[in-house]
Amino acid sequence: MLTRLSIRNIVLIEALDLGFSDGLGVLTGETGAGKSILLDALGLVLGNRADSSLVRAGEEKASVTASFEFARLPEPVRAVLDDAEVEIEPGEPLILRRQLKCDGGSKAFVNDQSVGVALLREIAPHLVELHGQHDDRGLVNPRGHRALLDRFAGADVAGVEAAWRDWRTARDVLEAARARVDKASADQDLLLAHLAELAALEPCEGEEEQLAEARATMQKGERLTGDLAELQHLWSGSDSALAVLRSAARRLDRIAAEHPLLTQALEALDRAVIEASEAEDRLERASEALSHDPQALDRIETRLFDLRAAARKHDCAVDDLPAKMREMRGSLDAIESGAEEISGLEKAAEAAGQAFRTRAEALHANRVAAALRLDDAVAGELAPLKLDAARFRTTVTELAEDRWGPQGMDSVEFLISTNPGADFAPLAKIASGGELSRFILALKVALAEEGGAAVMIFDEIDRGVGGAVASAIGERLARLAAGGQVLVVTHSPQVAARGGTHYVIHKTSEGTVTKTSVTLLDNAGRQEEIARMLSGAEITDEARAQADRLLEGV
């Protein structure tokens, strides 16, 4: 509920701090005292357009702060604040603040965290519901009528929403499968041609790297052919270095026993022969490994060219060509099995659609029955509010299938006829300002809705009526306020007498300076203010006595 409103330098208000409690609060005062300023200030902090004319003359800036306290922050408000990363601890009040400069610039804050004004506008409907002479929101707006009727009916909208999501998902899966199969069918000939080319190529994963290494080795052999041939000549034949070493070793072996140094020389020579033999073996193996076969090199280069050309054609790496072949085979298989798959998906989508229709039809029947009950309930409220010639109707219209949605297959709108024989039409187009406010009050009482805004404000709902009608308005406002918080700006003593708290708005002038102030009245103050409302400029004892009777009567 709204617990506090602080205003600084708004029009005629220099500084004002108001505390509010639950139940019915009434605001009274002379015409022109500035009641509308309070509503303008509250509208500013709820995200209304910033108008520099609201800044008090001679001041550079103005501000409005509104504090709301909840046992539990409304979930829609919590969701918006979470999305905006505005942190509010459990049990902490929600404090909205708006600063306005004389040049029209403004800033918005939620619990001292800077936010966009759009965020204030988004959470405002869950905090304050304002009904005035020119109300174009709330109950007047047809966009909210369906949700109001559903709450009145206790309808299972969540089940319909879930069925709608399931149906939409099934349809999306079906359409995706159809598109996939249609595309595959259109590309079937091309797929077959590409797959045949790749099958003939028979690419293998890792083949490119192996071929590149083999080609590099052959290219090295081509460069080293002359050197290898010359080295092989040096190591082969009867006059080669290795043959000379072996001949020397044989001769030395015959005389090595004659002296230790000869033995040592033979051992060194034997080691040299062994090392030279190993060198000869490695040269032969290297020659074989680096052998240059022009035809083999040409075959390798041709294979590499074909593989890389295929990879470019299919926009993938060479190693991905086998996977591309599997993908093509999968697409061709999908064409063959596509009809069976689509048939299954069509059955699933049809079943999901039927499940939605069943729930939506049950919701439609619930809405139709609830609409009749609501019409009767509103009709019972109209006569006491001096709307006995008016008629109220809740229309539940089945929509074309292409307009069905998560809330079912219906549109809902509240219509009225204010005169016998007149056609039914939307609230805002038929009712005058006073009638509109009383219709809204009748609807509110009939709906007795839960989950609405934290506070409801009625601006001069009693304009143009008095006596028994004003008493009926006051009684219904009190009933609405019994379960929450209602504030009403009123000129009616019958309505004012119903208030749990009573504020009076004064306008005073000192020279050229005019100020508006608001005072919370005690019991004596309430009696005097209601007596003023009854008698006019001069408060009489009879008016005070009548005020006492009104206060005692509630």
Protein backbone atom coordinates (compact mmCIF):
# COMPACT_ATOMS: atom_id res chain seq x y z
CA MET A 1 0.00 0.00 0.00
CA LEU A 2 0.97 3.66 -0.35
CA THR A 3 2.40 4.70 3.02
CA ARG A 4 3.97 8.08 2.35
CA LEU A 5 3.98 10.85 -0.25
CA SER A 6 6.57 13.64 -0.07
CA ILE A 7 6.27 16.63 -2.40
CA ARG A 8 8.76 19.47 -2.86
CA ASN A 9 8.14 22.58 -5.00
CA ILE A 10 5.28 21.24 -7.11
CA VAL A 11 3.10 24.16 -8.33
CA LEU A 12 1.64 25.67 -5.14
CA ILE A 13 3.10 23.07 -2.79
CA GLU A 14 6.36 24.16 -1.22
CA ALA A 15 6.90 21.16 1.05
CA LEU A 16 4.43 18.46 1.96
CA ASP A 17 4.79 15.09 3.69
CA LEU A 18 1.70 12.90 3.89
CA GLY A 19 1.35 9.55 5.62
CA PHE A 20 -1.33 7.09 4.54
CA SER A 21 -2.87 4.01 6.08
CA ASP A 22 -4.96 1.20 4.66
CA GLY A 23 -8.71 1.40 4.31
CA LEU A 24 -10.59 4.38 2.89
CA GLY A 25 -8.84 7.76 2.89
CA VAL A 26 -10.71 10.89 1.77
CA LEU A 27 -9.35 14.23 0.57
CA THR A 28 -11.61 17.27 0.72
CA GLY A 29 -11.26 21.02 0.38
CA GLU A 30 -12.60 24.08 -1.35
CA THR A 31 -12.82 24.04 -5.12
CA GLY A 32 -9.48 25.22 -6.51
CA ALA A 33 -7.58 24.44 -3.31
CA GLY A 34 -5.20 22.19 -5.19
CA LYS A 35 -6.51 18.63 -4.94
CA SER A 36 -5.50 18.03 -8.55
CA ILE A 37 -1.93 19.02 -7.66
CA LEU A 38 -1.66 15.99 -5.40
CA LEU A 39 -2.80 13.71 -8.22
CA ASP A 40 -0.41 15.41 -10.67
CA ALA A 41 2.44 14.90 -8.23
CA LEU A 42 1.58 11.25 -7.75
CA GLY A 43 1.28 10.83 -11.52
CA LEU A 44 4.75 12.32 -11.94
CA VAL A 45 6.34 9.73 -9.66
CA LEU A 46 4.42 7.00 -11.51
CA GLY A 47 6.03 7.94 -14.82
CA ASN A 48 3.71 10.55 -16.33
CA ARG A 49 5.21 13.03 -18.77
CA ALA A 50 7.46 15.61 -17.12
CA ASP A 51 6.02 19.11 -17.51
CA SER A 52 8.23 22.01 -16.44
CA SER A 53 5.10 23.98 -15.48
CA LEU A 54 4.81 21.69 -12.43
CA VAL A 55 7.95 23.26 -10.90
CA ARG A 56 7.01 25.92 -8.36
CA ALA A 57 7.64 29.46 -9.59
CA GLY A 58 11.10 30.71 -8.68
CA GLU A 59 12.51 27.22 -8.00
CA GLU A 60 15.07 25.35 -10.08
CA LYS A 61 13.79 21.85 -9.41
CA ALA A 62 10.98 19.86 -7.82
CA SER A 63 10.70 16.31 -6.53
CA VAL A 64 8.10 13.74 -5.52
CA THR A 65 8.74 10.62 -3.47
CA ALA A 66 6.20 7.84 -2.94
CA SER A 67 6.76 4.94 -0.53
CA PHE A 68 4.93 1.62 -0.84
CA GLU A 69 5.06 -1.23 1.64
CA PHE A 70 3.97 -4.81 1.01
CA ALA A 71 3.87 -8.03 2.94
CA ARG A 72 5.23 -9.39 -0.31
CA LEU A 73 6.23 -7.35 -3.34
CA PRO A 74 3.78 -8.02 -6.22
CA GLU A 75 5.28 -10.55 -8.60
CA PRO A 76 4.87 -8.38 -11.76
CA VAL A 77 6.72 -5.55 -9.99
CA ARG A 78 9.41 -7.98 -8.79
CA ALA A 79 9.87 -9.32 -12.34
CA VAL A 80 10.29 -5.83 -13.82
CA LEU A 81 12.77 -4.79 -11.13
CA ASP A 82 14.75 -8.02 -11.52
CA ASP A 83 15.02 -7.46 -15.27
CA ALA A 84 16.28 -3.92 -14.57
CA GLU A 85 18.71 -5.30 -11.93
CA VAL A 86 17.15 -3.15 -9.21
CA GLU A 87 17.68 -4.91 -5.89
CA ILE A 88 15.09 -4.74 -3.09
CA GLU A 89 15.52 -6.83 0.01
CA PRO A 90 12.49 -8.77 1.34
CA GLY A 91 10.46 -6.53 3.63
CA GLU A 92 12.14 -3.38 2.36
CA PRO A 93 9.74 -0.60 1.23
CA LEU A 94 9.52 0.29 -2.45
CA ILE A 95 10.48 3.96 -2.78
CA LEU A 96 9.88 5.77 -6.06
CA ARG A 97 11.37 9.21 -6.58
CA ARG A 98 11.17 11.63 -9.49
CA GLN A 99 13.14 14.85 -9.84
CA LEU A 100 12.01 17.53 -12.27
CA LYS A 101 14.01 20.56 -13.40
CA CYS A 102 12.54 23.87 -14.49
CA ASP A 103 13.90 23.24 -18.00
CA GLY A 104 11.80 20.06 -18.24
CA GLY A 105 14.57 17.52 -17.62
CA SER A 106 13.83 14.76 -15.13
CA LYS A 107 15.42 11.83 -13.33
CA ALA A 108 13.80 8.72 -11.84
CA PHE A 109 14.94 6.53 -8.96
CA VAL A 110 13.79 3.30 -7.34
CA ASN A 111 15.21 2.88 -3.83
CA ASP A 112 17.89 5.42 -4.74
CA GLN A 113 18.96 3.45 -7.83
CA SER A 114 18.75 5.49 -11.02
CA VAL A 115 16.26 4.04 -13.52
CA GLY A 116 14.52 5.05 -16.72
CA VAL A 117 11.13 6.71 -16.50
CA ALA A 118 9.78 3.86 -18.65
CA LEU A 119 10.38 1.51 -15.73
CA LEU A 120 8.16 3.66 -13.50
CA ARG A 121 5.44 3.52 -16.14
CA GLU A 122 5.77 -0.26 -16.35
CA ILE A 123 5.28 -0.91 -12.64
CA ALA A 124 2.74 1.91 -12.07
CA PRO A 125 -0.39 -0.12 -13.04
CA HIS A 126 0.45 -2.64 -10.30
CA LEU A 127 0.84 0.09 -7.69
CA VAL A 128 -1.85 2.69 -8.33
CA GLU A 129 -5.14 2.49 -10.21
CA LEU A 130 -6.51 5.99 -10.87
CA HIS A 131 -10.13 6.50 -11.89
CA GLY A 132 -11.12 10.04 -12.74
CA GLN A 133 -13.41 12.10 -14.90
CA HIS A 134 -11.40 11.38 -18.03
CA ASP A 135 -10.11 7.91 -17.25
CA ASP A 136 -8.91 6.09 -20.36
CA ARG A 137 -7.13 3.26 -18.63
CA GLY A 138 -7.99 0.53 -16.15
CA LEU A 139 -11.54 -0.77 -16.51
CA VAL A 140 -12.25 1.52 -19.46
CA ASN A 141 -9.54 -0.07 -21.61
CA PRO A 142 -10.90 -3.23 -23.35
CA ARG A 143 -7.43 -4.78 -23.35
CA GLY A 144 -7.82 -5.54 -19.65
CA HIS A 145 -11.41 -6.78 -19.70
CA ARG A 146 -10.60 -10.41 -20.46
CA ALA A 147 -8.20 -10.70 -17.52
CA LEU A 148 -10.76 -9.08 -15.20
CA LEU A 149 -13.47 -11.51 -16.26
CA ASP A 150 -11.10 -14.46 -15.88
CA ARG A 151 -10.25 -13.44 -12.31
CA PHE A 152 -13.96 -13.04 -11.56
CA ALA A 153 -14.63 -16.50 -13.04
CA GLY A 154 -11.63 -18.17 -11.35
CA ALA A 155 -10.73 -19.44 -14.81
CA ASP A 156 -7.88 -21.86 -15.51
CA VAL A 157 -6.01 -19.58 -17.88
CA ALA A 158 -2.63 -21.11 -16.96
CA GLY A 159 -3.74 -24.50 -18.33
CA VAL A 160 -4.83 -22.89 -21.58
CA GLU A 161 -1.53 -21.04 -21.86
CA ALA A 162 0.40 -24.30 -21.36
CA ALA A 163 -1.74 -26.06 -24.00
CA TRP A 164 -1.18 -23.16 -26.38
CA ARG A 165 2.62 -23.38 -25.91
CA ASP A 166 2.54 -27.14 -26.54
CA TRP A 167 0.47 -26.64 -29.70
CA ARG A 168 2.71 -23.85 -30.96
CA THR A 169 5.82 -25.97 -30.32
CA ALA A 170 4.31 -28.93 -32.16
CA ARG A 171 3.40 -26.71 -35.11
CA ASP A 172 6.89 -25.19 -35.19
CA VAL A 173 8.52 -28.63 -35.19
CA LEU A 174 6.19 -29.77 -37.98
CA GLU A 175 6.88 -26.70 -40.12
CA ALA A 176 10.64 -27.06 -39.61
CA ALA A 177 10.47 -30.71 -40.70
CA ARG A 178 8.41 -29.81 -43.76
CA ALA A 179 10.85 -27.09 -44.72
CA ARG A 180 13.78 -29.46 -44.26
CA VAL A 181 12.23 -32.20 -46.36
CA ASP A 182 11.07 -29.76 -49.04
CA LYS A 183 14.57 -28.32 -49.32
CA ALA A 184 16.11 -31.79 -49.44
CA SER A 185 13.65 -32.88 -52.12
CA ALA A 186 14.39 -29.81 -54.22
CA ASP A 187 18.11 -30.54 -53.94
CA GLN A 188 17.84 -34.30 -54.41
CA ASP A 189 19.39 -34.48 -57.90
CA LEU A 190 22.23 -32.20 -56.86
CA LEU A 191 22.77 -34.24 -53.69
CA LEU A 192 22.98 -37.44 -55.69
CA ALA A 193 25.52 -35.89 -58.09
CA HIS A 194 27.68 -34.52 -55.29
CA LEU A 195 27.53 -37.77 -53.36
CA ALA A 196 28.56 -39.72 -56.48
CA GLU A 197 31.56 -37.42 -56.97
CA LEU A 198 32.68 -37.83 -53.38
CA ALA A 199 32.07 -41.56 -53.40
CA ALA A 200 34.31 -41.86 -56.45
CA LEU A 201 36.94 -39.73 -54.70
CA GLU A 202 36.72 -41.84 -51.50
CA PRO A 203 38.25 -39.24 -49.16
CA CYS A 204 39.64 -40.41 -45.82
CA GLU A 205 40.25 -38.45 -42.66
CA GLY A 206 43.96 -37.64 -42.26
CA GLU A 207 44.71 -38.39 -45.91
CA GLU A 208 45.64 -34.81 -46.80
CA GLU A 209 48.37 -34.67 -44.16
CA GLN A 210 49.81 -38.03 -45.25
CA LEU A 211 49.87 -37.03 -48.91
CA ALA A 212 51.43 -33.66 -48.13
CA GLU A 213 54.20 -35.34 -46.14
CA ALA A 214 54.87 -37.88 -48.93
CA ARG A 215 54.99 -35.10 -51.54
CA ALA A 216 57.40 -33.05 -49.42
CA THR A 217 59.67 -36.10 -49.01
CA MET A 218 59.69 -36.79 -52.75
CA GLN A 219 60.44 -33.15 -53.49
CA LYS A 220 63.42 -33.37 -51.14
CA GLY A 221 64.59 -36.50 -52.94
CA GLU A 222 64.35 -34.66 -56.26
CA ARG A 223 66.64 -31.93 -54.91
CA LEU A 224 69.12 -34.43 -53.35
CA THR A 225 69.33 -36.94 -56.25
CA GLY A 226 72.81 -35.84 -57.45
CA ASP A 227 74.36 -35.71 -53.99
CA LEU A 228 73.03 -39.13 -53.07
CA ALA A 229 74.31 -40.69 -56.31
CA GLU A 230 77.79 -39.27 -55.74
CA LEU A 231 77.84 -40.47 -52.12
CA GLN A 232 76.74 -43.96 -53.18
CA HIS A 233 79.61 -44.03 -55.70
CA LEU A 234 82.11 -43.10 -52.98
CA TRP A 235 80.93 -45.95 -50.77
CA SER A 236 80.58 -48.66 -53.40
CA GLY A 237 83.09 -50.51 -55.60
CA SER A 238 86.60 -52.04 -55.01
CA ASP A 239 88.26 -48.65 -54.80
CA SER A 240 85.76 -47.08 -52.39
CA ALA A 241 86.83 -45.72 -49.02
CA LEU A 242 85.05 -48.53 -47.17
CA ALA A 243 86.82 -51.19 -49.34
CA VAL A 244 90.19 -49.54 -48.59
CA LEU A 245 89.44 -49.57 -44.83
CA ARG A 246 88.49 -53.24 -44.93
CA SER A 247 91.69 -54.13 -46.89
CA ALA A 248 93.80 -52.20 -44.39
CA ALA A 249 92.11 -53.99 -41.50
CA ARG A 250 92.90 -57.41 -43.03
CA ARG A 251 96.57 -56.57 -43.48
CA LEU A 252 96.88 -55.12 -40.01
CA ASP A 253 95.24 -58.19 -38.56
CA ARG A 254 98.13 -60.36 -39.80
CA ILE A 255 100.77 -58.33 -37.93
CA ALA A 256 98.83 -56.94 -34.97
CA ALA A 257 100.18 -59.57 -32.59
CA GLU A 258 103.72 -58.23 -33.05
CA HIS A 259 103.20 -55.12 -30.94
CA PRO A 260 100.50 -53.77 -28.59
CA LEU A 261 100.19 -50.53 -30.51
CA LEU A 262 99.40 -52.50 -33.66
CA THR A 263 96.66 -54.30 -31.71
CA GLN A 264 95.24 -50.97 -30.61
CA ALA A 265 95.46 -49.65 -34.15
CA LEU A 266 93.55 -52.73 -35.40
CA GLU A 267 90.82 -52.17 -32.80
CA ALA A 268 90.42 -48.52 -33.89
CA LEU A 269 90.35 -49.56 -37.52
CA ASP A 270 87.68 -52.19 -36.81
CA ARG A 271 85.54 -49.54 -35.14
CA ALA A 272 85.98 -47.31 -38.16
CA VAL A 273 84.90 -50.14 -40.49
CA ILE A 274 81.79 -50.74 -38.33
CA GLU A 275 80.86 -47.04 -38.28
CA ALA A 276 81.49 -46.74 -42.03
CA SER A 277 79.32 -49.80 -42.67
CA GLU A 278 76.50 -48.24 -40.65
CA ALA A 279 76.90 -45.02 -42.61
CA GLU A 280 76.70 -46.99 -45.85
CA ASP A 281 73.52 -48.72 -44.67
CA ARG A 282 71.86 -45.43 -43.73
CA LEU A 283 72.85 -43.88 -47.05
CA GLU A 284 71.20 -46.76 -48.89
CA ARG A 285 68.03 -46.48 -46.77
CA ALA A 286 67.93 -42.69 -47.19
CA SER A 287 68.35 -43.11 -50.91
CA GLU A 288 65.42 -45.51 -50.98
CA ALA A 289 63.24 -43.18 -48.80
CA LEU A 290 64.10 -40.14 -50.87
CA SER A 291 63.85 -41.95 -54.16
CA HIS A 292 62.29 -39.64 -56.72
CA ASP A 293 59.60 -41.26 -58.82
CA PRO A 294 58.14 -38.53 -61.09
CA GLN A 295 55.01 -40.59 -61.77
CA ALA A 296 54.35 -41.25 -58.09
CA LEU A 297 54.84 -37.53 -57.29
CA ASP A 298 52.43 -36.62 -60.05
CA ARG A 299 49.84 -39.06 -58.69
CA ILE A 300 50.17 -37.58 -55.18
CA GLU A 301 49.85 -33.98 -56.41
CA THR A 302 46.84 -34.87 -58.53
CA ARG A 303 45.17 -36.54 -55.52
CA LEU A 304 45.84 -33.52 -53.33
CA PHE A 305 44.43 -31.17 -55.97
CA ASP A 306 41.24 -33.26 -56.33
CA LEU A 307 40.69 -33.46 -52.57
CA ARG A 308 41.25 -29.74 -52.02
CA ALA A 309 39.04 -28.80 -54.97
CA ALA A 310 36.23 -30.93 -53.50
CA ALA A 311 36.71 -29.27 -50.10
CA ARG A 312 36.46 -25.81 -51.67
CA LYS A 313 33.37 -26.86 -53.58
CA HIS A 314 31.61 -27.97 -50.39
CA ASP A 315 33.05 -25.17 -48.26
CA CYS A 316 34.74 -27.41 -45.71
CA ALA A 317 38.14 -28.80 -44.75
CA VAL A 318 39.52 -31.83 -46.62
CA ASP A 319 39.26 -33.91 -43.44
CA ASP A 320 35.54 -32.98 -43.23
CA LEU A 321 34.69 -34.49 -46.63
CA PRO A 322 33.78 -37.91 -45.15
CA ALA A 323 31.40 -36.16 -42.71
CA LYS A 324 29.95 -34.19 -45.62
CA MET A 325 29.24 -37.49 -47.39
CA ARG A 326 27.46 -38.81 -44.29
CA GLU A 327 25.43 -35.59 -44.14
CA MET A 328 24.40 -35.97 -47.77
CA ARG A 329 23.39 -39.58 -47.19
CA GLY A 330 21.37 -38.42 -44.16
CA SER A 331 19.57 -35.81 -46.26
CA LEU A 332 18.76 -38.39 -48.91
CA ASP A 333 17.55 -40.80 -46.22
CA ALA A 334 15.39 -37.98 -44.80
CA ILE A 335 13.73 -37.58 -48.17
CA GLU A 336 12.83 -41.24 -48.15
CA SER A 337 11.66 -41.25 -44.51
CA GLY A 338 10.35 -37.67 -44.58
CA ALA A 339 6.78 -38.59 -45.43
CA GLU A 340 6.61 -40.97 -42.47
CA GLU A 341 8.21 -38.41 -40.12
CA ILE A 342 5.88 -35.61 -41.23
CA SER A 343 2.89 -37.88 -40.83
CA GLY A 344 3.87 -38.50 -37.21
CA LEU A 345 4.47 -34.82 -36.55
CA GLU A 346 1.14 -33.91 -38.13
CA LYS A 347 -0.61 -36.29 -35.76
CA ALA A 348 1.27 -34.79 -32.78
CA ALA A 349 0.37 -31.24 -33.86
CA GLU A 350 -3.25 -32.23 -34.40
CA ALA A 351 -3.41 -33.82 -30.94
CA ALA A 352 -1.84 -30.72 -29.34
CA GLY A 353 -4.27 -28.51 -31.25
CA GLN A 354 -7.21 -30.57 -30.08
CA ALA A 355 -5.96 -30.42 -26.48
CA PHE A 356 -5.81 -26.63 -26.76
CA ARG A 357 -9.27 -26.45 -28.32
CA THR A 358 -10.72 -28.59 -25.53
CA ARG A 359 -9.26 -26.33 -22.86
CA ALA A 360 -10.10 -23.15 -24.76
CA GLU A 361 -13.71 -24.27 -25.27
CA ALA A 362 -14.02 -25.02 -21.54
CA LEU A 363 -12.58 -21.59 -20.81
CA HIS A 364 -15.04 -20.04 -23.26
CA ALA A 365 -17.97 -21.73 -21.51
CA ASN A 366 -16.65 -20.57 -18.14
CA ARG A 367 -16.34 -17.01 -19.43
CA VAL A 368 -19.86 -16.99 -20.87
CA ALA A 369 -21.33 -18.22 -17.57
CA ALA A 370 -19.22 -15.77 -15.57
CA ALA A 371 -20.24 -12.92 -17.89
CA LEU A 372 -23.89 -13.52 -17.04
CA ARG A 373 -23.11 -13.55 -13.33
CA LEU A 374 -21.07 -10.36 -13.67
CA ASP A 375 -23.87 -8.66 -15.62
CA ASP A 376 -26.31 -9.50 -12.83
CA ALA A 377 -23.88 -8.32 -10.15
CA VAL A 378 -23.28 -4.98 -11.90
CA ALA A 379 -26.98 -4.53 -12.55
CA GLY A 380 -27.57 -4.82 -8.81
CA GLU A 381 -25.16 -1.95 -8.21
CA LEU A 382 -26.47 0.48 -10.84
CA ALA A 383 -29.78 1.62 -9.34
CA PRO A 384 -28.34 2.81 -5.99
CA LEU A 385 -25.76 4.80 -7.98
CA LYS A 386 -28.48 6.64 -9.94
CA LEU A 387 -27.81 4.57 -13.02
CA ASP A 388 -31.08 2.64 -12.92
CA ALA A 389 -31.82 3.37 -16.60
CA ALA A 390 -28.45 1.98 -17.65
CA ARG A 391 -27.70 -1.58 -18.68
CA PHE A 392 -24.38 -3.41 -18.55
CA ARG A 393 -23.29 -6.29 -20.76
CA THR A 394 -20.15 -8.40 -20.88
CA THR A 395 -19.58 -9.64 -24.43
CA VAL A 396 -17.58 -12.80 -24.98
CA THR A 397 -16.82 -13.17 -28.69
CA GLU A 398 -15.21 -16.21 -30.29
CA LEU A 399 -12.30 -15.17 -32.49
CA ALA A 400 -11.24 -16.60 -35.83
CA GLU A 401 -8.67 -19.35 -35.45
CA ASP A 402 -5.84 -17.15 -36.76
CA ARG A 403 -6.44 -14.84 -33.76
CA TRP A 404 -6.37 -17.52 -31.06
CA GLY A 405 -3.65 -17.14 -28.50
CA PRO A 406 -2.35 -18.08 -25.03
CA GLN A 407 -5.53 -16.66 -23.43
CA GLY A 408 -7.82 -18.79 -25.54
CA MET A 409 -10.18 -18.13 -28.41
CA ASP A 410 -12.19 -15.18 -27.05
CA SER A 411 -12.21 -11.43 -26.91
CA VAL A 412 -14.00 -9.81 -23.97
CA GLU A 413 -15.39 -6.30 -23.69
CA PHE A 414 -17.59 -4.48 -21.22
CA LEU A 415 -20.42 -2.52 -22.92
CA ILE A 416 -23.11 -0.23 -21.56
CA SER A 417 -26.33 1.38 -22.64
CA THR A 418 -27.25 4.46 -20.60
CA ASN A 419 -30.78 4.97 -21.93
CA PRO A 420 -33.67 2.59 -22.65
CA GLY A 421 -33.59 1.45 -26.26
CA ALA A 422 -30.07 2.78 -26.85
CA ASP A 423 -27.47 0.49 -28.39
CA PHE A 424 -24.69 -0.99 -26.30
CA ALA A 425 -21.29 0.62 -26.79
CA PRO A 426 -17.89 0.80 -25.05
CA LEU A 427 -17.78 2.52 -21.66
CA ALA A 428 -15.69 5.49 -22.73
CA LYS A 429 -17.88 6.29 -25.73
CA ILE A 430 -21.23 6.34 -23.93
CA ALA A 431 -20.81 7.43 -20.32
CA SER A 432 -20.30 11.02 -19.20
CA GLY A 433 -17.55 11.75 -16.69
CA GLY A 434 -19.71 11.24 -13.62
CA GLU A 435 -21.51 8.22 -15.06
CA LEU A 436 -18.21 6.68 -16.07
CA SER A 437 -16.80 6.95 -12.55
CA ARG A 438 -19.93 5.39 -11.07
CA PHE A 439 -19.88 2.59 -13.62
CA ILE A 440 -16.27 1.90 -12.70
CA LEU A 441 -17.22 1.83 -9.02
CA ALA A 442 -20.09 -0.56 -9.74
CA LEU A 443 -17.76 -2.81 -11.70
CA LYS A 444 -15.13 -2.72 -8.99
CA VAL A 445 -17.66 -3.70 -6.34
CA ALA A 446 -19.15 -6.44 -8.54
CA LEU A 447 -15.76 -7.86 -9.50
CA ALA A 448 -14.39 -7.71 -5.95
CA GLU A 449 -11.16 -8.60 -7.69
CA GLU A 450 -7.91 -9.68 -6.17
CA GLY A 451 -4.51 -9.06 -7.63
CA GLY A 452 -5.24 -5.50 -8.75
CA ALA A 453 -3.22 -2.39 -7.99
CA ALA A 454 -1.97 -1.74 -4.46
CA VAL A 455 -4.08 1.41 -4.13
CA MET A 456 -7.17 2.65 -5.95
CA ILE A 457 -7.78 6.37 -6.32
CA PHE A 458 -11.14 7.86 -7.32
CA ASP A 459 -11.12 11.51 -8.36
CA GLU A 460 -14.48 13.25 -7.73
CA ILE A 461 -16.50 10.13 -8.41
CA ASP A 462 -19.47 11.83 -6.70
CA ARG A 463 -19.59 14.88 -8.94
CA GLY A 464 -23.13 15.89 -9.80
CA VAL A 465 -24.85 13.60 -7.28
CA GLY A 466 -25.90 13.92 -3.67
CA GLY A 467 -28.15 12.51 -1.00
CA ALA A 468 -28.87 8.82 -1.28
CA VAL A 469 -26.64 8.38 -4.33
CA ALA A 470 -23.68 9.94 -2.56
CA SER A 471 -24.35 7.69 0.43
CA ALA A 472 -24.43 4.67 -1.86
CA ILE A 473 -21.11 5.73 -3.40
CA GLY A 474 -19.56 6.16 0.03
CA GLU A 475 -20.83 2.79 1.22
CA ARG A 476 -19.38 1.03 -1.84
CA LEU A 477 -16.04 2.80 -1.55
CA ALA A 478 -15.85 1.65 2.06
CA ARG A 479 -16.60 -1.92 0.97
CA LEU A 480 -13.80 -1.77 -1.61
CA ALA A 481 -11.40 -0.36 0.95
CA ALA A 482 -12.15 -3.09 3.49
CA GLY A 483 -9.63 -5.39 1.84
CA GLY A 484 -7.04 -2.85 0.77
CA GLN A 485 -6.44 0.84 0.27
CA VAL A 486 -8.70 3.35 -1.48
CA LEU A 487 -8.19 7.11 -1.70
CA VAL A 488 -10.99 9.37 -2.92
CA VAL A 489 -11.06 13.06 -3.77
CA THR A 490 -14.60 14.14 -2.92
CA HIS A 491 -16.96 17.07 -2.50
CA SER A 492 -19.62 14.89 -0.90
CA PRO A 493 -20.07 14.93 2.90
CA GLN A 494 -21.71 11.49 2.69
CA VAL A 495 -18.57 10.07 1.09
CA ALA A 496 -16.22 11.99 3.38
CA ALA A 497 -17.99 10.59 6.44
CA ARG A 498 -17.06 7.06 5.35
CA GLY A 499 -13.34 7.74 5.43
CA GLY A 500 -11.07 6.03 7.91
CA THR A 501 -8.63 8.90 7.46
CA HIS A 502 -9.54 12.39 6.33
CA TYR A 503 -7.25 15.00 4.78
CA VAL A 504 -8.26 18.57 4.05
CA ILE A 505 -6.51 20.66 1.42
CA HIS A 506 -6.09 24.39 2.00
CA LYS A 507 -4.87 27.19 -0.24
CA THR A 508 -3.50 30.32 1.48
CA SER A 509 -2.09 33.57 0.12
CA GLU A 510 0.42 35.92 1.70
CA GLY A 511 0.97 38.91 -0.56
CA THR A 512 1.93 37.51 -3.93
CA VAL A 513 2.80 34.07 -2.58
CA THR A 514 0.13 31.34 -2.73
CA LYS A 515 0.63 27.97 -1.07
CA THR A 516 -1.28 24.71 -0.86
CA SER A 517 -1.10 22.60 2.29
CA VAL A 518 -2.71 19.37 3.45
CA THR A 519 -3.76 18.56 6.99
CA LEU A 520 -4.73 15.21 8.54
CA LEU A 521 -7.88 15.84 10.55
CA ASP A 522 -8.75 14.50 13.99
CA ASN A 523 -12.35 13.72 14.97
CA ALA A 524 -13.20 17.33 15.78
CA GLY A 525 -11.58 18.51 12.58
CA ARG A 526 -13.56 15.96 10.59
CA GLN A 527 -16.82 17.18 12.12
CA GLU A 528 -15.98 20.78 11.25
CA GLU A 529 -14.93 19.96 7.68
CA ILE A 530 -18.02 17.84 6.96
CA ALA A 531 -20.17 20.63 8.46
CA ARG A 532 -18.49 23.07 6.05
CA MET A 533 -19.25 20.75 3.15
CA LEU A 534 -22.88 20.63 4.24
CA SER A 535 -23.47 24.33 4.90
CA GLY A 536 -21.10 26.23 2.64
CA ALA A 537 -19.36 29.46 3.65
CA GLU A 538 -20.96 29.81 7.12
CA ILE A 539 -20.86 26.73 9.31
CA THR A 540 -24.04 26.46 11.37
CA ASP A 541 -24.84 24.41 14.47
CA GLU A 542 -27.38 22.55 12.41
CA ALA A 543 -24.63 21.61 9.92
CA ARG A 544 -22.43 20.39 12.77
CA ALA A 545 -25.29 18.31 14.11
CA GLN A 546 -25.86 16.82 10.66
CA ALA A 547 -22.14 16.11 10.38
CA ASP A 548 -22.30 14.25 13.70
CA ARG A 549 -25.22 12.18 12.43
CA LEU A 550 -23.29 11.29 9.25
CA LEU A 551 -20.22 10.26 11.23
CA GLU A 552 -22.27 8.24 13.69
CA GLY A 553 -24.15 6.56 10.87
CA VAL A 554 -21.03 4.89 9.52
